[in-house]
Protein backbone atom coordinates (compact mmCIF):
# COMPACT_ATOMS: atom_id res chain seq x y z
CA UNK A 1 98.57 71.23 88.88
CA UNK A 2 99.12 71.15 85.14
CA UNK A 3 97.46 68.10 83.52
CA UNK A 4 98.92 66.37 80.52
CA UNK A 5 97.35 68.20 77.59
CA UNK A 6 99.98 67.15 75.04
CA UNK A 7 97.32 65.02 73.30
CA UNK A 8 94.31 67.25 73.89
CA UNK A 9 95.70 70.33 72.13
CA UNK A 10 96.78 68.56 68.88
CA UNK A 11 93.34 66.93 68.72
CA UNK A 12 91.72 70.34 68.81
CA UNK A 13 93.84 71.52 65.85
CA UNK A 14 93.23 68.33 63.83
CA UNK A 15 91.59 69.01 60.48
CA UNK A 16 92.48 72.70 60.51
CA UNK A 17 95.49 72.34 58.27
CA UNK A 18 97.71 73.40 61.15
CA UNK A 19 100.00 71.17 63.20
CA UNK A 20 101.10 71.71 66.78
CA UNK A 21 104.87 71.92 67.29
CA UNK A 22 105.05 72.78 71.00
CA UNK A 23 102.96 74.21 73.84
CA UNK A 24 103.97 76.18 76.92
CA UNK A 25 101.88 76.73 80.04
CA UNK A 26 100.67 80.32 80.25
CA UNK A 27 98.00 80.69 82.94
CA UNK A 28 95.38 78.87 84.99
CA UNK A 29 92.26 80.06 86.78
CA UNK A 30 88.93 78.67 87.98
CA UNK A 31 86.19 78.07 85.44
CA UNK A 32 82.80 76.77 86.53
CA UNK A 33 83.45 73.46 88.25
CA UNK A 34 86.86 73.10 86.65
CA UNK A 35 89.84 75.09 85.41
CA UNK A 36 90.75 77.21 82.42
CA UNK A 37 94.30 76.42 81.30
CA UNK A 38 96.08 78.81 78.95
CA UNK A 39 98.89 77.75 76.61
CA UNK A 40 101.13 79.44 74.09
CA UNK A 41 100.95 76.97 71.22
CA UNK A 42 103.56 77.00 68.44
CA UNK A 43 102.03 75.88 65.14
CA UNK A 44 103.00 75.37 61.51
CA UNK A 45 100.61 75.23 58.56
CA UNK A 46 100.79 73.35 55.26
CA UNK A 47 102.82 76.15 53.71
CA UNK A 48 105.39 76.06 56.48
CA UNK A 49 104.12 79.29 58.03
CA UNK A 50 104.79 79.33 61.76
CA UNK A 51 102.71 81.10 64.39
CA UNK A 52 102.13 81.15 68.12
CA UNK A 53 98.47 80.84 69.11
CA UNK A 54 97.12 81.65 72.57
CA UNK A 55 94.99 78.57 73.25
CA UNK A 56 92.76 77.62 76.17
CA UNK A 57 91.64 74.26 77.52
CA UNK A 58 88.49 74.68 79.60
CA UNK A 59 87.47 71.78 81.84
CA UNK A 60 84.46 73.46 83.39
CA UNK A 61 83.25 76.43 81.38
CA UNK A 62 81.23 77.43 78.36
CA UNK A 63 81.83 76.62 74.72
CA UNK A 64 80.37 77.70 71.38
CA UNK A 65 80.69 77.04 67.67
CA UNK A 66 84.29 78.27 67.69
CA UNK A 67 85.35 75.71 70.32
CA UNK A 68 86.56 72.19 69.72
CA UNK A 69 85.16 69.57 72.08
CA UNK A 70 87.86 66.99 72.75
CA UNK A 71 87.95 64.01 75.08
CA UNK A 72 90.75 64.28 77.59
CA UNK A 73 92.46 60.85 77.48
CA UNK A 74 93.69 61.31 81.04
CA UNK A 75 90.20 61.66 82.50
CA UNK A 76 87.81 60.52 79.79
CA UNK A 77 85.92 63.80 80.21
CA UNK A 78 85.08 66.24 77.42
CA UNK A 79 86.93 69.55 77.48
CA UNK A 80 86.48 72.69 75.41
CA UNK A 81 89.48 74.03 73.48
CA UNK A 82 89.50 77.44 71.80
CA UNK A 83 91.97 79.99 70.51
CA UNK A 84 92.10 83.73 71.15
CA UNK A 85 90.11 85.80 70.22
CA UNK A 86 87.29 83.24 69.87
CA UNK A 87 86.45 83.39 73.57
CA UNK A 88 83.05 81.73 74.15
CA UNK A 89 82.46 83.87 77.24
CA UNK A 90 83.11 87.09 75.31
CA UNK A 91 81.28 86.71 71.99
CA UNK A 92 82.03 90.24 70.78
CA UNK A 93 85.81 89.95 71.29
CA UNK A 94 86.66 88.97 67.67
CA UNK A 95 84.95 92.17 66.48
CA UNK A 96 87.31 94.38 68.48
CA UNK A 97 90.52 92.56 67.57
CA UNK A 98 90.95 93.77 63.98
CA UNK A 99 91.27 97.36 62.74
CA UNK A 100 88.70 97.22 59.94
CA UNK A 101 86.14 95.53 62.19
CA UNK A 102 86.67 98.14 64.92
CA UNK A 103 86.36 101.02 62.44
CA UNK A 104 83.09 99.60 61.15
CA UNK A 105 81.78 98.92 64.65
CA UNK A 106 82.49 102.45 65.90
CA UNK A 107 80.93 103.94 62.79
CA UNK A 108 77.68 102.05 63.48
CA UNK A 109 77.76 103.52 67.00
CA UNK A 110 78.08 107.07 65.64
CA UNK A 111 81.78 107.41 66.49
CA UNK A 112 83.69 107.06 63.20
CA UNK A 113 87.48 106.85 63.50
CA UNK A 114 90.30 107.41 61.04
CA UNK A 115 93.35 105.15 60.83
CA UNK A 116 92.80 103.40 64.20
CA UNK A 117 95.61 101.65 66.04
CA UNK A 118 94.60 98.87 68.44
CA UNK A 119 96.36 97.83 71.64
CA UNK A 120 95.14 95.09 73.96
CA UNK A 121 95.29 96.79 77.36
CA UNK A 122 93.97 93.86 79.38
CA UNK A 123 92.60 90.37 78.87
CA UNK A 124 91.20 87.90 81.33
CA UNK A 125 89.83 84.91 79.40
CA UNK A 126 86.14 84.31 79.81
CA UNK A 127 85.79 87.44 81.96
CA UNK A 128 86.79 90.65 80.21
CA UNK A 129 89.06 92.36 77.71
CA UNK A 130 90.02 95.98 77.13
CA UNK A 131 91.24 97.28 73.78
CA UNK A 132 92.66 100.76 73.41
CA UNK A 133 91.80 102.52 70.15
CA UNK A 134 94.01 105.43 69.13
CA UNK A 135 92.78 107.35 66.09
CA UNK A 136 93.00 110.78 64.51
CA UNK A 137 89.83 111.72 66.38
CA UNK A 138 91.22 110.72 69.76
CA UNK A 139 91.39 107.71 72.06
CA UNK A 140 88.62 105.48 73.35
CA UNK A 141 88.63 102.12 75.13
CA UNK A 142 86.52 99.16 74.10
CA UNK A 143 85.61 97.05 77.09
CA UNK A 144 84.35 93.54 76.36
CA UNK A 145 82.49 91.68 79.09
CA UNK A 146 80.00 88.86 79.41
CA UNK A 147 76.75 90.11 77.87
CA UNK A 148 74.76 89.98 81.11
CA UNK A 149 77.34 92.28 82.77
CA UNK A 150 76.81 95.27 80.45
CA UNK A 151 73.79 96.80 82.22
CA UNK A 152 75.18 96.53 85.78
CA UNK A 153 78.56 97.92 84.74
CA UNK A 154 76.96 100.85 82.95
CA UNK A 155 74.86 101.55 86.05
CA UNK A 156 77.96 101.41 88.27
CA UNK A 157 79.70 104.00 86.09
CA UNK A 158 76.70 106.29 86.34
CA UNK A 159 76.61 105.91 90.14
CA UNK A 160 80.35 106.54 90.54
CA UNK A 161 80.24 109.62 88.30
CA UNK A 162 77.24 110.96 90.24
CA UNK A 163 79.20 110.47 93.48
CA UNK A 164 82.02 112.64 92.09
CA UNK A 165 84.49 109.84 91.42
CA UNK A 166 86.85 110.22 88.42
CA UNK A 167 85.79 107.12 86.47
CA UNK A 168 85.45 107.12 82.67
CA UNK A 169 82.04 107.84 81.20
CA UNK A 170 80.36 105.15 79.12
CA UNK A 171 80.05 106.66 75.64
CA UNK A 172 78.09 103.77 74.17
CA UNK A 173 77.17 100.16 74.90
CA UNK A 174 75.66 97.09 73.29
CA UNK A 175 73.88 94.15 74.83
CA UNK A 176 76.29 91.62 73.30
CA UNK A 177 79.00 92.60 75.79
CA UNK A 178 80.52 95.85 74.51
CA UNK A 179 81.08 99.16 76.32
CA UNK A 180 82.88 102.13 74.81
CA UNK A 181 84.65 104.19 77.48
CA UNK A 182 86.25 107.60 77.34
CA UNK A 183 89.93 108.11 78.13
CA UNK A 184 90.53 109.40 81.63
CA UNK A 185 93.04 112.08 82.55
CA UNK A 186 96.49 111.30 83.89
CA UNK A 187 98.87 108.36 83.94
CA UNK A 188 98.88 105.08 85.91
CA UNK A 189 100.10 105.66 89.46
CA UNK A 190 102.48 102.73 89.12
CA UNK A 191 104.41 104.60 86.45
CA UNK A 192 105.23 107.35 88.97
CA UNK A 193 106.24 105.12 91.86
CA UNK A 194 109.47 107.02 92.54
CA UNK A 195 107.61 110.30 92.97
CA UNK A 196 104.74 109.08 95.13
CA UNK A 197 106.51 106.50 97.32
CA UNK A 198 107.55 109.03 99.96
CA UNK A 199 104.83 111.63 99.44
CA UNK A 200 102.26 111.47 102.25
CA UNK A 201 99.88 113.44 100.06
CA UNK A 202 99.42 110.42 97.79
CA UNK A 203 98.62 108.15 100.73
CA UNK A 204 96.12 110.75 101.94
CA UNK A 205 94.62 110.95 98.43
CA UNK A 206 94.25 107.16 98.40
CA UNK A 207 92.47 107.25 101.75
CA UNK A 208 90.18 109.99 100.46
CA UNK A 209 89.48 107.94 97.33
CA UNK A 210 88.38 104.87 99.29
CA UNK A 211 86.28 107.13 101.48
CA UNK A 212 84.49 108.53 98.45
CA UNK A 213 83.97 105.05 97.02
CA UNK A 214 82.19 104.15 100.26
CA UNK A 215 79.56 106.83 99.51
CA UNK A 216 78.45 105.35 96.17
CA UNK A 217 74.77 104.35 96.50
CA UNK A 218 75.02 100.82 95.15
CA UNK A 219 73.34 97.75 96.61
CA UNK A 220 75.37 95.07 94.82
CA UNK A 221 78.00 92.92 96.48
CA UNK A 222 81.67 93.32 95.55
CA UNK A 223 83.11 90.59 93.36
CA UNK A 224 84.49 87.62 95.30
CA UNK A 225 88.17 88.11 96.13
CA UNK A 226 91.20 86.06 97.13
CA UNK A 227 89.82 85.41 100.60
CA UNK A 228 86.46 84.28 99.26
CA UNK A 229 88.23 81.86 96.92
CA UNK A 230 90.79 80.77 99.53
CA UNK A 231 90.07 77.05 99.09
CA UNK A 232 90.72 77.21 95.34
CA UNK A 233 93.86 79.29 95.73
CA UNK A 234 95.15 76.94 98.44
CA UNK A 235 94.68 73.86 96.24
CA UNK A 236 96.31 75.60 93.30
CA UNK A 237 99.33 76.74 95.30
CA UNK A 238 99.84 73.39 97.02
CA UNK A 239 99.67 71.61 93.66
CA UNK A 240 102.24 74.00 92.18
CA UNK A 241 104.55 73.98 95.23
CA UNK A 242 104.08 70.55 96.86
CA UNK A 243 107.36 70.93 98.74
CA UNK A 244 105.79 73.90 100.60
CA UNK A 245 102.41 72.28 101.25
CA UNK A 246 102.80 72.30 105.04
CA UNK A 247 103.69 75.98 105.16
CA UNK A 248 100.95 76.94 102.70
CA UNK A 249 98.35 75.13 104.81
CA UNK A 250 99.67 76.81 107.95
CA UNK A 251 99.42 80.26 106.39
CA UNK A 252 95.90 79.69 105.08
CA UNK A 253 94.82 78.22 108.42
CA UNK A 254 96.13 81.34 110.18
CA UNK A 255 94.23 83.61 107.78
CA UNK A 256 91.08 81.57 108.33
CA UNK A 257 91.36 81.71 112.12
CA UNK A 258 91.93 85.44 112.15
CA UNK A 259 89.00 86.22 109.84
CA UNK A 260 86.34 84.03 111.49
CA UNK A 261 84.54 86.99 113.05
CA UNK A 262 84.47 89.11 109.91
CA UNK A 263 81.03 87.90 108.83
CA UNK A 264 79.35 90.15 111.40
CA UNK A 265 81.59 93.16 110.68
CA UNK A 266 80.40 96.38 109.12
CA UNK A 267 80.76 96.54 105.35
CA UNK A 268 81.01 99.46 102.95
CA UNK A 269 81.25 99.95 99.20
CA UNK A 270 84.74 99.00 97.97
CA UNK A 271 86.40 98.97 94.57
CA UNK A 272 87.00 95.23 94.76
CA UNK A 273 90.26 95.03 92.79
CA UNK A 274 92.22 98.12 93.70
CA UNK A 275 95.88 98.55 92.79
CA UNK A 276 98.14 101.20 91.29
CA UNK A 277 97.38 100.31 87.66
CA UNK A 278 93.70 101.04 88.32
CA UNK A 279 94.53 104.44 89.81
CA UNK A 280 95.60 107.35 87.58
CA UNK A 281 97.43 110.41 88.83
CA UNK A 282 98.01 113.93 87.58
CA UNK A 283 101.13 114.15 85.40
CA UNK A 284 102.33 117.37 87.00
CA UNK A 285 101.25 116.58 90.57
CA UNK A 286 101.45 112.77 90.79
CA UNK A 287 100.31 112.73 94.41
CA UNK A 288 96.91 113.88 93.14
CA UNK A 289 94.58 111.07 91.98
CA UNK A 290 92.92 111.96 88.67
CA UNK A 291 91.23 108.74 87.57
CA UNK A 292 89.91 105.33 88.58
CA UNK A 293 89.42 102.30 86.34
CA UNK A 294 87.69 98.91 86.34
CA UNK A 295 84.85 99.41 88.79
CA UNK A 296 83.14 96.22 87.51
CA UNK A 297 84.19 94.57 90.77
CA UNK A 298 82.78 97.29 93.05
CA UNK A 299 80.15 96.67 95.70
CA UNK A 300 79.68 95.98 99.39
CA UNK A 301 82.68 94.42 101.09
CA UNK A 302 84.95 94.65 104.11
CA UNK A 303 86.68 98.08 104.37
CA UNK A 304 90.14 96.50 104.66
CA UNK A 305 89.74 94.67 101.38
CA UNK A 306 90.92 97.40 99.00
CA UNK A 307 93.90 98.32 101.16
CA UNK A 308 94.98 94.68 101.38
CA UNK A 309 94.85 94.46 97.59
CA UNK A 310 96.85 97.67 97.09
CA UNK A 311 99.56 96.65 99.56
CA UNK A 312 99.89 93.10 98.18
CA UNK A 313 100.15 94.41 94.63
CA UNK A 314 102.87 96.83 95.72
CA UNK A 315 104.84 93.98 97.31
CA UNK A 316 104.59 92.01 94.05
CA UNK A 317 105.56 95.11 92.09
CA UNK A 318 108.60 95.60 94.31
CA UNK A 319 109.75 92.03 93.66
CA UNK A 320 109.14 92.48 89.93
CA UNK A 321 111.32 95.60 89.77
CA UNK A 322 114.09 93.99 91.83
CA UNK A 323 114.09 90.87 89.63
CA UNK A 324 114.86 93.16 86.70
CA UNK A 325 117.71 94.89 88.47
CA UNK A 326 115.80 98.05 89.39
CA UNK A 327 116.40 98.14 93.13
CA UNK A 328 115.38 101.80 93.36
CA UNK A 329 111.84 101.23 92.09
CA UNK A 330 111.61 97.99 94.00
CA UNK A 331 112.43 99.74 97.27
CA UNK A 332 110.02 102.57 96.42
CA UNK A 333 107.14 100.12 95.94
CA UNK A 334 107.96 98.48 99.27
CA UNK A 335 108.11 101.80 101.12
CA UNK A 336 104.76 102.79 99.69
CA UNK A 337 103.29 99.43 100.74
CA UNK A 338 104.41 100.11 104.29
CA UNK A 339 103.08 103.68 104.22
CA UNK A 340 99.64 102.63 102.94
CA UNK A 341 99.35 99.87 105.55
CA UNK A 342 100.46 102.14 108.38
CA UNK A 343 98.03 104.85 107.31
CA UNK A 344 95.09 102.43 107.23
CA UNK A 345 95.93 101.10 110.69
CA UNK A 346 96.22 104.65 112.04
CA UNK A 347 92.81 105.53 110.61
CA UNK A 348 91.19 102.25 111.68
CA UNK A 349 92.82 101.19 114.98
CA UNK A 350 89.80 99.07 115.91
CA UNK A 351 90.39 96.92 112.80
CA UNK A 352 94.20 96.81 112.88
CA UNK A 353 94.19 93.03 113.26
CA UNK A 354 92.52 92.63 109.87
CA UNK A 355 95.21 94.13 107.69
CA UNK A 356 97.53 91.10 107.97
CA UNK A 357 94.99 88.48 106.80
CA UNK A 358 93.72 90.80 104.05
CA UNK A 359 97.24 91.31 102.68
CA UNK A 360 98.21 87.67 103.23
CA UNK A 361 95.27 86.27 101.24
CA UNK A 362 96.14 88.52 98.32
CA UNK A 363 99.85 87.67 98.46
CA UNK A 364 99.09 83.94 98.39
CA UNK A 365 96.80 84.41 95.39
CA UNK A 366 99.63 86.23 93.61
CA UNK A 367 101.98 83.41 94.62
CA UNK A 368 99.68 80.89 92.98
CA UNK A 369 99.63 82.89 89.77
CA UNK A 370 103.43 82.97 89.74
CA UNK A 371 103.96 79.33 90.67
CA UNK A 372 101.58 77.90 88.09
CA UNK A 373 103.66 79.33 85.26
CA UNK A 374 106.14 76.57 86.06
CA UNK A 375 109.11 78.82 85.28
CA UNK A 376 112.10 79.09 87.58
CA UNK A 377 111.43 82.81 87.98
CA UNK A 378 107.78 82.18 88.81
CA UNK A 379 108.63 79.54 91.40
CA UNK A 380 111.24 81.81 93.00
CA UNK A 381 108.80 84.72 93.17
CA UNK A 382 106.13 82.47 94.69
CA UNK A 383 108.58 81.39 97.37
CA UNK A 384 109.34 85.03 98.15
CA UNK A 385 105.62 85.76 98.42
CA UNK A 386 105.18 82.93 100.91
CA UNK A 387 107.82 84.59 103.08
CA UNK A 388 106.15 87.99 102.61
CA UNK A 389 102.86 86.46 103.72
CA UNK A 390 104.57 85.19 106.86
CA UNK A 391 105.80 88.73 107.53
CA UNK A 392 102.36 90.26 106.96
CA UNK A 393 100.77 87.86 109.43
CA UNK A 394 103.44 88.21 112.12
CA UNK A 395 103.03 91.95 112.56
CA UNK A 396 100.97 94.72 111.01
CA UNK A 397 103.93 96.68 109.65
CA UNK A 398 106.38 96.77 108.07
CA UNK A 399 105.08 94.45 105.37
CA UNK A 400 108.56 93.91 103.96
CA UNK A 401 111.89 95.21 105.33
CA UNK A 402 113.28 98.28 103.61
CA UNK A 403 116.16 96.33 102.11
CA UNK A 404 113.69 94.30 100.05
CA UNK A 405 114.69 91.01 101.65
CA UNK A 406 111.61 89.21 102.91
CA UNK A 407 111.71 87.56 106.31
CA UNK A 408 113.26 84.10 106.62
CA UNK A 409 111.06 81.06 107.09
CA UNK A 410 112.26 80.92 110.71
CA UNK A 411 110.13 83.95 111.62
CA UNK A 412 107.75 83.51 114.57
CA UNK A 413 104.84 81.17 113.92
CA UNK A 414 101.57 82.84 112.90
């Protein structure tokens, strides 16, 4: 999966006065007709100053004046190499990376700030970034997207607010890819997992939330998800785990067979990337949902889609907590995954057979993200997610046993 970029990256730094000492694989995702490979690159300059630079090699995407075009000796093809924050897909990103630049930018927008502190809340190269700005005057979030996405995202926020959904208001925007968002009330639901795991009121609140999302009067399609990109995720996972290629193909084939008839199914407006870090809850009553983030992905999609994403993310969260020795939070995440899946099936008995494929596609996408890191921990987690996918496809619930041990590979064939 990971090509040999040990010559490409040094070429990109040539002439900069900085030498490459080492590079470690960081991430990989689709980009145009190719891939965007992320690396943590250790460098040293002429003065002996060392630094680690987040660097990307793009075999199929855009480039600009801040990119180096280098010929990949392995393929003979040109590739674009750039370093964060000079993301060619997000031209305004460098302006929101430094305190003085952010202070000046917000002043020009009529929102002056005093002594701002910046925190990168999220970053997906070429797609979006979110920077939190804490200042004396309060907190705002700077969302950076591709320039052509500003108008549709702003419209989505207006539509969600009008429908009574607790999304942040857009305080200001610019056509070069910047939106300034207000801070929403509450804390991420994932931070209160112990309190909401066994509270049926939270599950009911989640169901009510998805029901309200379905009423938003938008006509756009939801962003493509793990099932839409199944072919890419399958290739990525097989390349990262060649020893499991037969099982991976079998799981994807099962998901494909069981979703053949979905094309004619009724759709509704969905969030498109729903999980507990996108959902905020009241600090005093954590079962009560107080906020919703990142509706860029929202639009028409299959009703089961958001629930599949929530459950799969909870399974991954459970494994993450257990890997760090926190069995209590790990078990809580798993119990909540089961409760959410059971509730959806109870509310939608005519679509019960769809929950397994929806969860499975998301779990396999997460497995690919883990496996492509190349680390022992990532590979182990990916293997666990393959087993969890098997469990999700064998029966609707439970998604994972309560002891946190995913089903063995000898489980019934899907």
